[in-house]
Amino acid sequence: MEFSNDKNYHMILVIIIDLRDKTMLMRTLGSGWGVLISGMAIFALGLIGLSMDAWRGIIAVGMLLSCVMIWHRQWRHYVLLPSCVALISGLMLIVMNIK
């Protein structure tokens, strides 16, 4: 069966690609919220003026929570929150060391 010249076959592919792109866009926006919420939390903690040891503790807790959450059936959907907290805290610690 040759599908290369079948117009219906090409239309089905266009519909599938269109539906998949919308799903991918929703996933991208969902992950954007995880980064945004984590960034706002770290910004609020940055205003407090935490010490270097406190930032290291936040990084360690974020990494450990990421490891625990990835194995939990319901929590794995939110694993981006603690991992972004650890990442942004690490960036904050680097900025503090540069000063």
PDB file of N, CA and C in Angstrom:
ATOM      1  N   MET A   1       0.853  -1.173   0.000  1.00  0.00           N
ATOM      2  CA  MET A   1       0.000   0.000   0.000  1.00  0.00           C
ATOM      3  C   MET A   1       0.899   1.237   0.000  1.00  0.00           C
ATOM      4  N   GLU A   2       0.731   2.090  -0.928  1.00  0.00           N
ATOM      5  CA  GLU A   2       1.551   3.288  -1.100  1.00  0.00           C
ATOM      6  C   GLU A   2       0.789   4.502  -0.576  1.00  0.00           C
ATOM      7  N   PHE A   3       1.364   5.199   0.424  1.00  0.00           N
ATOM      8  CA  PHE A   3       0.711   6.357   1.019  1.00  0.00           C
ATOM      9  C   PHE A   3       1.306   7.685   0.553  1.00  0.00           C
ATOM     10  N   SER A   4       2.343   7.664  -0.200  1.00  0.00           N
ATOM     11  CA  SER A   4       3.058   8.896  -0.512  1.00  0.00           C
ATOM     12  C   SER A   4       2.227   9.888  -1.326  1.00  0.00           C
ATOM     13  N   ASN A   5       1.291   9.419  -2.143  1.00  0.00           N
ATOM     14  CA  ASN A   5       0.486  10.331  -2.954  1.00  0.00           C
ATOM     15  C   ASN A   5      -0.937  10.487  -2.428  1.00  0.00           C
ATOM     16  N   ASP A   6      -1.248   9.866  -1.321  1.00  0.00           N
ATOM     17  CA  ASP A   6      -2.595   9.924  -0.770  1.00  0.00           C
ATOM     18  C   ASP A   6      -2.780  11.225   0.024  1.00  0.00           C
ATOM     19  N   LYS A   7      -3.713  12.078  -0.416  1.00  0.00           N
ATOM     20  CA  LYS A   7      -3.926  13.373   0.232  1.00  0.00           C
ATOM     21  C   LYS A   7      -4.530  13.224   1.620  1.00  0.00           C
ATOM     22  N   ASN A   8      -5.352  12.202   1.832  1.00  0.00           N
ATOM     23  CA  ASN A   8      -5.944  11.973   3.150  1.00  0.00           C
ATOM     24  C   ASN A   8      -4.883  11.596   4.168  1.00  0.00           C
ATOM     25  N   TYR A   9      -3.918  10.829   3.732  1.00  0.00           N
ATOM     26  CA  TYR A   9      -2.815  10.435   4.610  1.00  0.00           C
ATOM     27  C   TYR A   9      -2.033  11.666   5.073  1.00  0.00           C
ATOM     28  N   HIS A  10      -1.763  12.572   4.163  1.00  0.00           N
ATOM     29  CA  HIS A  10      -1.036  13.786   4.510  1.00  0.00           C
ATOM     30  C   HIS A  10      -1.862  14.672   5.438  1.00  0.00           C
ATOM     31  N   MET A  11      -3.174  14.721   5.254  1.00  0.00           N
ATOM     32  CA  MET A  11      -4.035  15.524   6.116  1.00  0.00           C
ATOM     33  C   MET A  11      -4.043  14.956   7.531  1.00  0.00           C
ATOM     34  N   ILE A  12      -4.045  13.647   7.679  1.00  0.00           N
ATOM     35  CA  ILE A  12      -4.008  13.017   8.997  1.00  0.00           C
ATOM     36  C   ILE A  12      -2.694  13.368   9.694  1.00  0.00           C
ATOM     37  N   LEU A  13      -1.589  13.345   8.967  1.00  0.00           N
ATOM     38  CA  LEU A  13      -0.300  13.710   9.562  1.00  0.00           C
ATOM     39  C   LEU A  13      -0.298  15.157  10.028  1.00  0.00           C
ATOM     40  N   VAL A  14      -0.882  16.047   9.259  1.00  0.00           N
ATOM     41  CA  VAL A  14      -0.949  17.463   9.638  1.00  0.00           C
ATOM     42  C   VAL A  14      -1.766  17.628  10.910  1.00  0.00           C
ATOM     43  N   ILE A  15      -2.874  16.910  11.025  1.00  0.00           N
ATOM     44  CA  ILE A  15      -3.722  17.002  12.212  1.00  0.00           C
ATOM     45  C   ILE A  15      -2.973  16.466  13.432  1.00  0.00           C
ATOM     46  N   ILE A  16      -2.291  15.353  13.298  1.00  0.00           N
ATOM     47  CA  ILE A  16      -1.542  14.772  14.423  1.00  0.00           C
ATOM     48  C   ILE A  16      -0.435  15.720  14.873  1.00  0.00           C
ATOM     49  N   ILE A  17       0.292  16.295  13.951  1.00  0.00           N
ATOM     50  CA  ILE A  17       1.365  17.223  14.302  1.00  0.00           C
ATOM     51  C   ILE A  17       0.794  18.467  14.969  1.00  0.00           C
ATOM     52  N   ASP A  18      -0.337  18.954  14.479  1.00  0.00           N
ATOM     53  CA  ASP A  18      -0.968  20.127  15.063  1.00  0.00           C
ATOM     54  C   ASP A  18      -1.403  19.848  16.501  1.00  0.00           C
ATOM     55  N   LEU A  19      -2.017  18.707  16.763  1.00  0.00           N
ATOM     56  CA  LEU A  19      -2.448  18.357  18.113  1.00  0.00           C
ATOM     57  C   LEU A  19      -1.265  18.161  19.037  1.00  0.00           C
ATOM     58  N   ARG A  20      -0.212  17.559  18.549  1.00  0.00           N
ATOM     59  CA  ARG A  20       0.972  17.310  19.369  1.00  0.00           C
ATOM     60  C   ARG A  20       1.661  18.618  19.751  1.00  0.00           C
ATOM     61  N   ASP A  21       1.729  19.568  18.835  1.00  0.00           N
ATOM     62  CA  ASP A  21       2.355  20.845  19.139  1.00  0.00           C
ATOM     63  C   ASP A  21       1.600  21.601  20.223  1.00  0.00           C
ATOM     64  N   LYS A  22       0.275  21.529  20.221  1.00  0.00           N
ATOM     65  CA  LYS A  22      -0.495  22.192  21.264  1.00  0.00           C
ATOM     66  C   LYS A  22      -0.217  21.552  22.617  1.00  0.00           C
ATOM     67  N   THR A  23      -0.091  20.230  22.647  1.00  0.00           N
ATOM     68  CA  THR A  23       0.229  19.539  23.884  1.00  0.00           C
ATOM     69  C   THR A  23       1.614  19.932  24.370  1.00  0.00           C
ATOM     70  N   MET A  24       2.582  20.028  23.472  1.00  0.00           N
ATOM     71  CA  MET A  24       3.932  20.411  23.850  1.00  0.00           C
ATOM     72  C   MET A  24       3.962  21.844  24.367  1.00  0.00           C
ATOM     73  N   LEU A  25       3.150  22.729  23.798  1.00  0.00           N
ATOM     74  CA  LEU A  25       3.099  24.097  24.265  1.00  0.00           C
ATOM     75  C   LEU A  25       2.566  24.153  25.686  1.00  0.00           C
ATOM     76  N   MET A  26       1.542  23.358  26.005  1.00  0.00           N
ATOM     77  CA  MET A  26       1.004  23.332  27.353  1.00  0.00           C
ATOM     78  C   MET A  26       2.038  22.817  28.336  1.00  0.00           C
ATOM     79  N   ARG A  27       2.820  21.827  27.964  1.00  0.00           N
ATOM     80  CA  ARG A  27       3.862  21.317  28.850  1.00  0.00           C
ATOM     81  C   ARG A  27       4.934  22.368  29.088  1.00  0.00           C
ATOM     82  N   THR A  28       5.266  23.117  28.074  1.00  0.00           N
ATOM     83  CA  THR A  28       6.267  24.166  28.224  1.00  0.00           C
ATOM     84  C   THR A  28       5.776  25.240  29.175  1.00  0.00           C
ATOM     85  N   LEU A  29       4.520  25.653  29.034  1.00  0.00           N
ATOM     86  CA  LEU A  29       3.984  26.657  29.935  1.00  0.00           C
ATOM     87  C   LEU A  29       3.888  26.123  31.354  1.00  0.00           C
ATOM     88  N   GLY A  30       3.575  24.838  31.509  1.00  0.00           N
ATOM     89  CA  GLY A  30       3.514  24.239  32.833  1.00  0.00           C
ATOM     90  C   GLY A  30       4.864  24.234  33.512  1.00  0.00           C
ATOM     91  N   SER A  31       5.913  23.944  32.768  1.00  0.00           N
ATOM     92  CA  SER A  31       7.242  23.935  33.356  1.00  0.00           C
ATOM     93  C   SER A  31       7.718  25.352  33.644  1.00  0.00           C
ATOM     94  N   GLY A  32       7.218  26.325  32.893  1.00  0.00           N
ATOM     95  CA  GLY A  32       7.566  27.715  33.158  1.00  0.00           C
ATOM     96  C   GLY A  32       7.080  28.171  34.527  1.00  0.00           C
ATOM     97  N   TRP A  33       5.921  27.678  34.949  1.00  0.00           N
ATOM     98  CA  TRP A  33       5.418  28.023  36.273  1.00  0.00           C
ATOM     99  C   TRP A  33       6.322  27.483  37.365  1.00  0.00           C
ATOM    100  N   GLY A  34       6.855  26.297  37.183  1.00  0.00           N
ATOM    101  CA  GLY A  34       7.758  25.720  38.185  1.00  0.00           C
ATOM    102  C   GLY A  34       8.995  26.568  38.380  1.00  0.00           C
ATOM    103  N   VAL A  35       9.542  27.067  37.297  1.00  0.00           N
ATOM    104  CA  VAL A  35      10.733  27.914  37.373  1.00  0.00           C
ATOM    105  C   VAL A  35      10.374  29.268  37.976  1.00  0.00           C
ATOM    106  N   LEU A  36       9.236  29.820  37.583  1.00  0.00           N
ATOM    107  CA  LEU A  36       8.830  31.134  38.064  1.00  0.00           C
ATOM    108  C   LEU A  36       8.538  31.122  39.561  1.00  0.00           C
ATOM    109  N   ILE A  37       7.831  30.126  40.033  1.00  0.00           N
ATOM    110  CA  ILE A  37       7.510  30.037  41.464  1.00  0.00           C
ATOM    111  C   ILE A  37       8.777  29.836  42.278  1.00  0.00           C
ATOM    112  N   SER A  38       9.670  28.966  41.807  1.00  0.00           N
ATOM    113  CA  SER A  38      10.935  28.743  42.511  1.00  0.00           C
ATOM    114  C   SER A  38      11.780  30.003  42.532  1.00  0.00           C
ATOM    115  N   GLY A  39      11.813  30.702  41.423  1.00  0.00           N
ATOM    116  CA  GLY A  39      12.588  31.938  41.348  1.00  0.00           C
ATOM    117  C   GLY A  39      12.067  33.008  42.292  1.00  0.00           C
ATOM    118  N   MET A  40      10.749  33.116  42.407  1.00  0.00           N
ATOM    119  CA  MET A  40      10.175  34.100  43.324  1.00  0.00           C
ATOM    120  C   MET A  40      10.474  33.745  44.774  1.00  0.00           C
ATOM    121  N   ALA A  41      10.442  32.443  45.096  1.00  0.00           N
ATOM    122  CA  ALA A  41      10.762  32.025  46.464  1.00  0.00           C
ATOM    123  C   ALA A  41      12.222  32.322  46.800  1.00  0.00           C
ATOM    124  N   ILE A  42      13.115  32.060  45.880  1.00  0.00           N
ATOM    125  CA  ILE A  42      14.530  32.325  46.122  1.00  0.00           C
ATOM    126  C   ILE A  42      14.786  33.835  46.183  1.00  0.00           C
ATOM    127  N   PHE A  43      14.090  34.619  45.368  1.00  0.00           N
ATOM    128  CA  PHE A  43      14.220  36.068  45.422  1.00  0.00           C
ATOM    129  C   PHE A  43      13.798  36.590  46.790  1.00  0.00           C
ATOM    130  N   ALA A  44      12.701  36.059  47.323  1.00  0.00           N
ATOM    131  CA  ALA A  44      12.244  36.464  48.659  1.00  0.00           C
ATOM    132  C   ALA A  44      13.272  36.078  49.722  1.00  0.00           C
ATOM    133  N   LEU A  45      13.855  34.895  49.593  1.00  0.00           N
ATOM    134  CA  LEU A  45      14.897  34.490  50.547  1.00  0.00           C
ATOM    135  C   LEU A  45      16.153  35.331  50.377  1.00  0.00           C
ATOM    136  N   GLY A  46      16.432  35.772  49.168  1.00  0.00           N
ATOM    137  CA  GLY A  46      17.597  36.619  48.930  1.00  0.00           C
ATOM    138  C   GLY A  46      17.464  37.980  49.586  1.00  0.00           C
ATOM    139  N   LEU A  47      16.246  38.466  49.706  1.00  0.00           N
ATOM    140  CA  LEU A  47      16.026  39.754  50.364  1.00  0.00           C
ATOM    141  C   LEU A  47      16.267  39.677  51.863  1.00  0.00           C
ATOM    142  N   ILE A  48      16.139  38.498  52.428  1.00  0.00           N
ATOM    143  CA  ILE A  48      16.339  38.329  53.869  1.00  0.00           C
ATOM    144  C   ILE A  48      17.822  38.460  54.221  1.00  0.00           C
ATOM    145  N   GLY A  49      18.692  38.034  53.320  1.00  0.00           N
ATOM    146  CA  GLY A  49      20.131  38.110  53.579  1.00  0.00           C
ATOM    147  C   GLY A  49      20.659  36.874  54.293  1.00  0.00           C
ATOM    148  N   LEU A  50      20.396  35.710  53.731  1.00  0.00           N
ATOM    149  CA  LEU A  50      20.851  34.462  54.338  1.00  0.00           C
ATOM    150  C   LEU A  50      22.365  34.307  54.212  1.00  0.00           C
ATOM    151  N   SER A  51      22.933  33.506  55.093  1.00  0.00           N
ATOM    152  CA  SER A  51      24.372  33.250  55.061  1.00  0.00           C
ATOM    153  C   SER A  51      24.701  32.212  53.996  1.00  0.00           C
ATOM    154  N   MET A  52      25.990  32.036  53.736  1.00  0.00           N
ATOM    155  CA  MET A  52      26.441  31.049  52.743  1.00  0.00           C
ATOM    156  C   MET A  52      26.033  29.628  53.147  1.00  0.00           C
ATOM    157  N   ASP A  53      26.129  29.345  54.444  1.00  0.00           N
ATOM    158  CA  ASP A  53      25.754  28.001  54.917  1.00  0.00           C
ATOM    159  C   ASP A  53      24.263  27.736  54.733  1.00  0.00           C
ATOM    160  N   ALA A  54      23.446  28.755  54.914  1.00  0.00           N
ATOM    161  CA  ALA A  54      22.001  28.588  54.713  1.00  0.00           C
ATOM    162  C   ALA A  54      21.705  28.298  53.237  1.00  0.00           C
ATOM    163  N   TRP A  55      22.401  28.984  52.327  1.00  0.00           N
ATOM    164  CA  TRP A  55      22.208  28.729  50.894  1.00  0.00           C
ATOM    165  C   TRP A  55      22.650  27.317  50.533  1.00  0.00           C
ATOM    166  N   ARG A  56      23.754  26.873  51.106  1.00  0.00           N
ATOM    167  CA  ARG A  56      24.210  25.495  50.853  1.00  0.00           C
ATOM    168  C   ARG A  56      23.186  24.484  51.357  1.00  0.00           C
ATOM    169  N   GLY A  57      22.575  24.781  52.506  1.00  0.00           N
ATOM    170  CA  GLY A  57      21.529  23.904  53.041  1.00  0.00           C
ATOM    171  C   GLY A  57      20.306  23.854  52.138  1.00  0.00           C
ATOM    172  N   ILE A  58      19.926  25.000  51.601  1.00  0.00           N
ATOM    173  CA  ILE A  58      18.783  25.049  50.682  1.00  0.00           C
ATOM    174  C   ILE A  58      19.080  24.232  49.430  1.00  0.00           C
ATOM    175  N   ILE A  59      20.311  24.328  48.926  1.00  0.00           N
ATOM    176  CA  ILE A  59      20.696  23.549  47.744  1.00  0.00           C
ATOM    177  C   ILE A  59      20.616  22.055  48.046  1.00  0.00           C
ATOM    178  N   ALA A  60      21.144  21.654  49.205  1.00  0.00           N
ATOM    179  CA  ALA A  60      21.132  20.231  49.577  1.00  0.00           C
ATOM    180  C   ALA A  60      19.697  19.711  49.747  1.00  0.00           C
ATOM    181  N   VAL A  61      18.854  20.490  50.398  1.00  0.00           N
ATOM    182  CA  VAL A  61      17.457  20.072  50.598  1.00  0.00           C
ATOM    183  C   VAL A  61      16.728  19.988  49.264  1.00  0.00           C
ATOM    184  N   GLY A  62      16.972  20.946  48.382  1.00  0.00           N
ATOM    185  CA  GLY A  62      16.340  20.912  47.064  1.00  0.00           C
ATOM    186  C   GLY A  62      16.746  19.695  46.260  1.00  0.00           C
ATOM    187  N   MET A  63      18.030  19.343  46.323  1.00  0.00           N
ATOM    188  CA  MET A  63      18.497  18.161  45.590  1.00  0.00           C
ATOM    189  C   MET A  63      17.928  16.874  46.190  1.00  0.00           C
ATOM    190  N   LEU A  64      17.888  16.794  47.519  1.00  0.00           N
ATOM    191  CA  LEU A  64      17.328  15.598  48.159  1.00  0.00           C
ATOM    192  C   LEU A  64      15.831  15.466  47.882  1.00  0.00           C
ATOM    193  N   LEU A  65      15.104  16.584  47.941  1.00  0.00           N
ATOM    194  CA  LEU A  65      13.672  16.533  47.628  1.00  0.00           C
ATOM    195  C   LEU A  65      13.428  16.118  46.179  1.00  0.00           C
ATOM    196  N   SER A  66      14.287  16.562  45.283  1.00  0.00           N
ATOM    197  CA  SER A  66      14.143  16.156  43.882  1.00  0.00           C
ATOM    198  C   SER A  66      14.295  14.653  43.738  1.00  0.00           C
ATOM    199  N   CYS A  67      15.277  14.094  44.442  1.00  0.00           N
ATOM    200  CA  CYS A  67      15.489  12.640  44.381  1.00  0.00           C
ATOM    201  C   CYS A  67      14.311  11.868  44.959  1.00  0.00           C
ATOM    202  N   VAL A  68      13.760  12.352  46.049  1.00  0.00           N
ATOM    203  CA  VAL A  68      12.619  11.677  46.682  1.00  0.00           C
ATOM    204  C   VAL A  68      11.367  11.812  45.815  1.00  0.00           C
ATOM    205  N   MET A  69      11.146  13.007  45.293  1.00  0.00           N
ATOM    206  CA  MET A  69       9.912  13.265  44.542  1.00  0.00           C
ATOM    207  C   MET A  69       9.866  12.533  43.214  1.00  0.00           C
ATOM    208  N   ILE A  70      11.010  12.261  42.626  1.00  0.00           N
ATOM    209  CA  ILE A  70      11.004  11.601  41.317  1.00  0.00           C
ATOM    210  C   ILE A  70      10.496  10.158  41.418  1.00  0.00           C
ATOM    211  N   TRP A  71      10.598   9.552  42.591  1.00  0.00           N
ATOM    212  CA  TRP A  71      10.147   8.175  42.751  1.00  0.00           C
ATOM    213  C   TRP A  71       8.703   8.073  43.226  1.00  0.00           C
ATOM    214  N   HIS A  72       8.127   9.165  43.714  1.00  0.00           N
ATOM    215  CA  HIS A  72       6.744   9.149  44.188  1.00  0.00           C
ATOM    216  C   HIS A  72       5.791   9.328  43.004  1.00  0.00           C
ATOM    217  N   ARG A  73       4.736   8.551  42.993  1.00  0.00           N
ATOM    218  CA  ARG A  73       3.822   8.515  41.854  1.00  0.00           C
ATOM    219  C   ARG A  73       3.126   9.855  41.612  1.00  0.00           C
ATOM    220  N   GLN A  74       2.677  10.520  42.663  1.00  0.00           N
ATOM    221  CA  GLN A  74       1.934  11.769  42.489  1.00  0.00           C
ATOM    222  C   GLN A  74       2.840  12.999  42.545  1.00  0.00           C
ATOM    223  N   TRP A  75       3.910  12.927  43.293  1.00  0.00           N
ATOM    224  CA  TRP A  75       4.794  14.085  43.466  1.00  0.00           C
ATOM    225  C   TRP A  75       5.731  14.285  42.281  1.00  0.00           C
ATOM    226  N   ARG A  76       5.925  13.270  41.455  1.00  0.00           N
ATOM    227  CA  ARG A  76       6.898  13.404  40.366  1.00  0.00           C
ATOM    228  C   ARG A  76       6.512  14.481  39.355  1.00  0.00           C
ATOM    229  N   HIS A  77       5.244  14.866  39.341  1.00  0.00           N
ATOM    230  CA  HIS A  77       4.818  15.922  38.429  1.00  0.00           C
ATOM    231  C   HIS A  77       5.304  17.294  38.879  1.00  0.00           C
ATOM    232  N   TYR A  78       5.705  17.399  40.142  1.00  0.00           N
ATOM    233  CA  TYR A  78       6.158  18.676  40.700  1.00  0.00           C
ATOM    234  C   TYR A  78       7.655  18.673  41.003  1.00  0.00           C
ATOM    235  N   VAL A  79       8.397  17.757  40.424  1.00  0.00           N
ATOM    236  CA  VAL A  79       9.827  17.630  40.717  1.00  0.00           C
ATOM    237  C   VAL A  79      10.611  18.847  40.243  1.00  0.00           C
ATOM    238  N   LEU A  80      10.036  19.618  39.350  1.00  0.00           N
ATOM    239  CA  LEU A  80      10.727  20.805  38.854  1.00  0.00           C
ATOM    240  C   LEU A  80      10.862  21.878  39.939  1.00  0.00           C
ATOM    241  N   LEU A  81       9.940  21.926  40.885  1.00  0.00           N
ATOM    242  CA  LEU A  81      10.002  22.947  41.931  1.00  0.00           C
ATOM    243  C   LEU A  81      11.265  22.828  42.789  1.00  0.00           C
ATOM    244  N   PRO A  82      11.536  21.682  43.436  1.00  0.00           N
ATOM    245  CA  PRO A  82      12.756  21.635  44.256  1.00  0.00           C
ATOM    246  C   PRO A  82      14.042  21.648  43.436  1.00  0.00           C
ATOM    247  N   SER A  83      14.012  21.098  42.232  1.00  0.00           N
ATOM    248  CA  SER A  83      15.230  21.120  41.430  1.00  0.00           C
ATOM    249  C   SER A  83      15.555  22.536  40.975  1.00  0.00           C
ATOM    250  N   CYS A  84      14.543  23.333  40.661  1.00  0.00           N
ATOM    251  CA  CYS A  84      14.793  24.734  40.307  1.00  0.00           C
ATOM    252  C   CYS A  84      15.193  25.548  41.526  1.00  0.00           C
ATOM    253  N   VAL A  85      14.675  25.209  42.683  1.00  0.00           N
ATOM    254  CA  VAL A  85      15.118  25.876  43.911  1.00  0.00           C
ATOM    255  C   VAL A  85      16.604  25.619  44.119  1.00  0.00           C
ATOM    256  N   ALA A  86      17.039  24.376  43.916  1.00  0.00           N
ATOM    257  CA  ALA A  86      18.459  24.056  44.068  1.00  0.00           C
ATOM    258  C   ALA A  86      19.303  24.775  43.020  1.00  0.00           C
ATOM    259  N   LEU A  87      18.833  24.816  41.785  1.00  0.00           N
ATOM    260  CA  LEU A  87      19.581  25.475  40.717  1.00  0.00           C
ATOM    261  C   LEU A  87      19.696  26.978  40.948  1.00  0.00           C
ATOM    262  N   ILE A  88      18.589  27.624  41.255  1.00  0.00           N
ATOM    263  CA  ILE A  88      18.602  29.070  41.439  1.00  0.00           C
ATOM    264  C   ILE A  88      19.357  29.445  42.716  1.00  0.00           C
ATOM    265  N   SER A  89      19.265  28.590  43.742  1.00  0.00           N
ATOM    266  CA  SER A  89      20.056  28.834  44.954  1.00  0.00           C
ATOM    267  C   SER A  89      21.543  28.728  44.663  1.00  0.00           C
ATOM    268  N   GLY A  90      21.922  27.779  43.824  1.00  0.00           N
ATOM    269  CA  GLY A  90      23.321  27.667  43.422  1.00  0.00           C
ATOM    270  C   GLY A  90      23.793  28.898  42.668  1.00  0.00           C
ATOM    271  N   LEU A  91      22.951  29.411  41.791  1.00  0.00           N
ATOM    272  CA  LEU A  91      23.289  30.646  41.084  1.00  0.00           C
ATOM    273  C   LEU A  91      23.414  31.821  42.055  1.00  0.00           C
ATOM    274  N   MET A  92      22.535  31.857  43.038  1.00  0.00           N
ATOM    275  CA  MET A  92      22.591  32.923  44.046  1.00  0.00           C
ATOM    276  C   MET A  92      23.881  32.820  44.858  1.00  0.00           C
ATOM    277  N   LEU A  93      24.304  31.609  45.178  1.00  0.00           N
ATOM    278  CA  LEU A  93      25.534  31.403  45.924  1.00  0.00           C
ATOM    279  C   LEU A  93      26.751  31.828  45.090  1.00  0.00           C
ATOM    280  N   ILE A  94      26.709  31.552  43.798  1.00  0.00           N
ATOM    281  CA  ILE A  94      27.797  31.991  42.914  1.00  0.00           C
ATOM    282  C   ILE A  94      27.876  33.514  42.867  1.00  0.00           C
ATOM    283  N   VAL A  95      26.718  34.159  42.781  1.00  0.00           N
ATOM    284  CA  VAL A  95      26.697  35.627  42.752  1.00  0.00           C
ATOM    285  C   VAL A  95      27.227  36.191  44.065  1.00  0.00           C
ATOM    286  N   MET A  96      26.896  35.562  45.177  1.00  0.00           N
ATOM    287  CA  MET A  96      27.388  36.031  46.467  1.00  0.00           C
ATOM    288  C   MET A  96      28.889  35.859  46.583  1.00  0.00           C
ATOM    289  N   ASN A  97      29.450  34.786  46.008  1.00  0.00           N
ATOM    290  CA  ASN A  97      30.883  34.563  46.058  1.00  0.00           C
ATOM    291  C   ASN A  97      31.645  35.533  45.175  1.00  0.00           C
ATOM    292  N   ILE A  98      31.025  35.998  44.098  1.00  0.00           N
ATOM    293  CA  ILE A  98      31.685  36.959  43.214  1.00  0.00           C
ATOM    294  C   ILE A  98      31.839  38.304  43.913  1.00  0.00           C
ATOM    295  N   LYS A  99      30.850  38.675  44.700  1.00  0.00           N
ATOM    296  CA  LYS A  99      30.915  39.955  45.428  1.00  0.00           C
ATOM    297  C   LYS A  99      31.988  39.833  46.474  1.00  0.00           C
TER     298      LYS A  99
END
